[in-house]
Amino acid sequence: MGEAPAVQRHPPTRAHAIDAGQAITVEYVAASGKQTVRTLSRLALDPPYLEAWCHLREAERVFPLSRIHSIMPE
């Protein structure tokens, strides 16, 4: 018999991070077109938005999901 395939570890998805209470880092494009990298915690998904504590701004913020270009685990 062949070997079992290696288990690949993937970064947590948005839903997993929300369920697990994990912080995430996102690449976000503001309405002005400026791209920033932000660390977010206390996540609440309310499509089409992600509500979160933004560590860059030190405040609660609402992020349109369409402007989040990538998600990385913190």
Protein backbone atom coordinates (compact mmCIF):
# COMPACT_ATOMS: atom_id res chain seq x y z
CA MET A 1 0.00 0.00 0.00
CA GLY A 2 1.12 3.58 -0.67
CA GLU A 3 1.96 6.15 1.96
CA ALA A 4 -0.78 8.33 3.39
CA PRO A 5 -0.69 11.86 1.96
CA ALA A 6 0.98 14.46 4.15
CA VAL A 7 -1.38 16.58 6.18
CA GLN A 8 -1.18 20.18 5.04
CA ARG A 9 -1.75 22.96 7.51
CA HIS A 10 -3.70 25.90 6.16
CA PRO A 11 -4.09 29.30 7.76
CA PRO A 12 -7.38 29.66 9.58
CA THR A 13 -10.23 30.91 7.49
CA ARG A 14 -12.21 33.94 8.53
CA ALA A 15 -14.94 31.69 9.94
CA HIS A 16 -12.46 29.55 11.87
CA ALA A 17 -10.77 32.64 13.33
CA ILE A 18 -14.15 34.00 14.42
CA ASP A 19 -15.18 30.70 16.02
CA ALA A 20 -11.83 30.28 17.76
CA GLY A 21 -11.60 33.91 18.90
CA GLN A 22 -8.27 34.32 17.08
CA ALA A 23 -6.76 37.53 15.83
CA ILE A 24 -6.00 37.78 12.12
CA THR A 25 -3.88 40.03 9.94
CA VAL A 26 -5.46 41.27 6.73
CA GLU A 27 -4.41 43.21 3.68
CA TYR A 28 -7.14 45.81 3.38
CA VAL A 29 -7.78 48.41 0.69
CA ALA A 30 -9.42 51.57 2.01
CA ALA A 31 -12.04 53.52 0.06
CA SER A 32 -9.23 55.93 -0.92
CA GLY A 33 -7.42 53.04 -2.62
CA LYS A 34 -4.60 52.96 -0.06
CA GLN A 35 -3.58 49.42 0.91
CA THR A 36 -2.80 48.73 4.57
CA VAL A 37 -1.98 45.68 6.66
CA ARG A 38 -4.09 45.48 9.80
CA THR A 39 -4.30 43.15 12.76
CA LEU A 40 -7.90 42.53 13.77
CA SER A 41 -9.38 40.85 16.82
CA ARG A 42 -12.81 40.45 18.45
CA LEU A 43 -14.17 39.46 15.05
CA ALA A 44 -17.88 39.45 14.19
CA LEU A 45 -19.02 38.50 10.72
CA ASP A 46 -22.12 40.36 9.52
CA PRO A 47 -22.07 39.90 5.71
CA PRO A 48 -21.10 41.82 3.72
CA TYR A 49 -19.02 43.26 6.58
CA LEU A 50 -16.49 42.13 9.15
CA GLU A 51 -16.72 44.00 12.44
CA ALA A 52 -13.51 43.94 14.47
CA TRP A 53 -11.14 45.68 16.82
CA CYS A 54 -8.46 47.27 14.61
CA HIS A 55 -5.08 47.32 16.36
CA LEU A 56 -3.73 49.96 13.93
CA ARG A 57 -6.53 52.44 14.71
CA GLU A 58 -7.07 51.20 18.30
CA ALA A 59 -10.82 51.26 17.72
CA GLU A 60 -13.77 49.17 16.57
CA ARG A 61 -14.05 49.25 12.79
CA VAL A 62 -16.32 47.79 10.11
CA PHE A 63 -14.57 46.33 7.05
CA PRO A 64 -16.39 45.55 3.78
CA LEU A 65 -15.42 41.98 2.91
CA SER A 66 -14.86 43.01 -0.70
CA ARG A 67 -11.91 45.20 0.39
CA ILE A 68 -10.12 42.46 2.34
CA HIS A 69 -7.61 41.02 -0.11
CA SER A 70 -5.87 38.43 2.05
CA ILE A 71 -6.12 36.91 5.51
CA MET A 72 -3.20 35.60 7.53
CA PRO A 73 -3.16 34.06 11.00
CA GLU A 74 -1.78 36.29 13.71
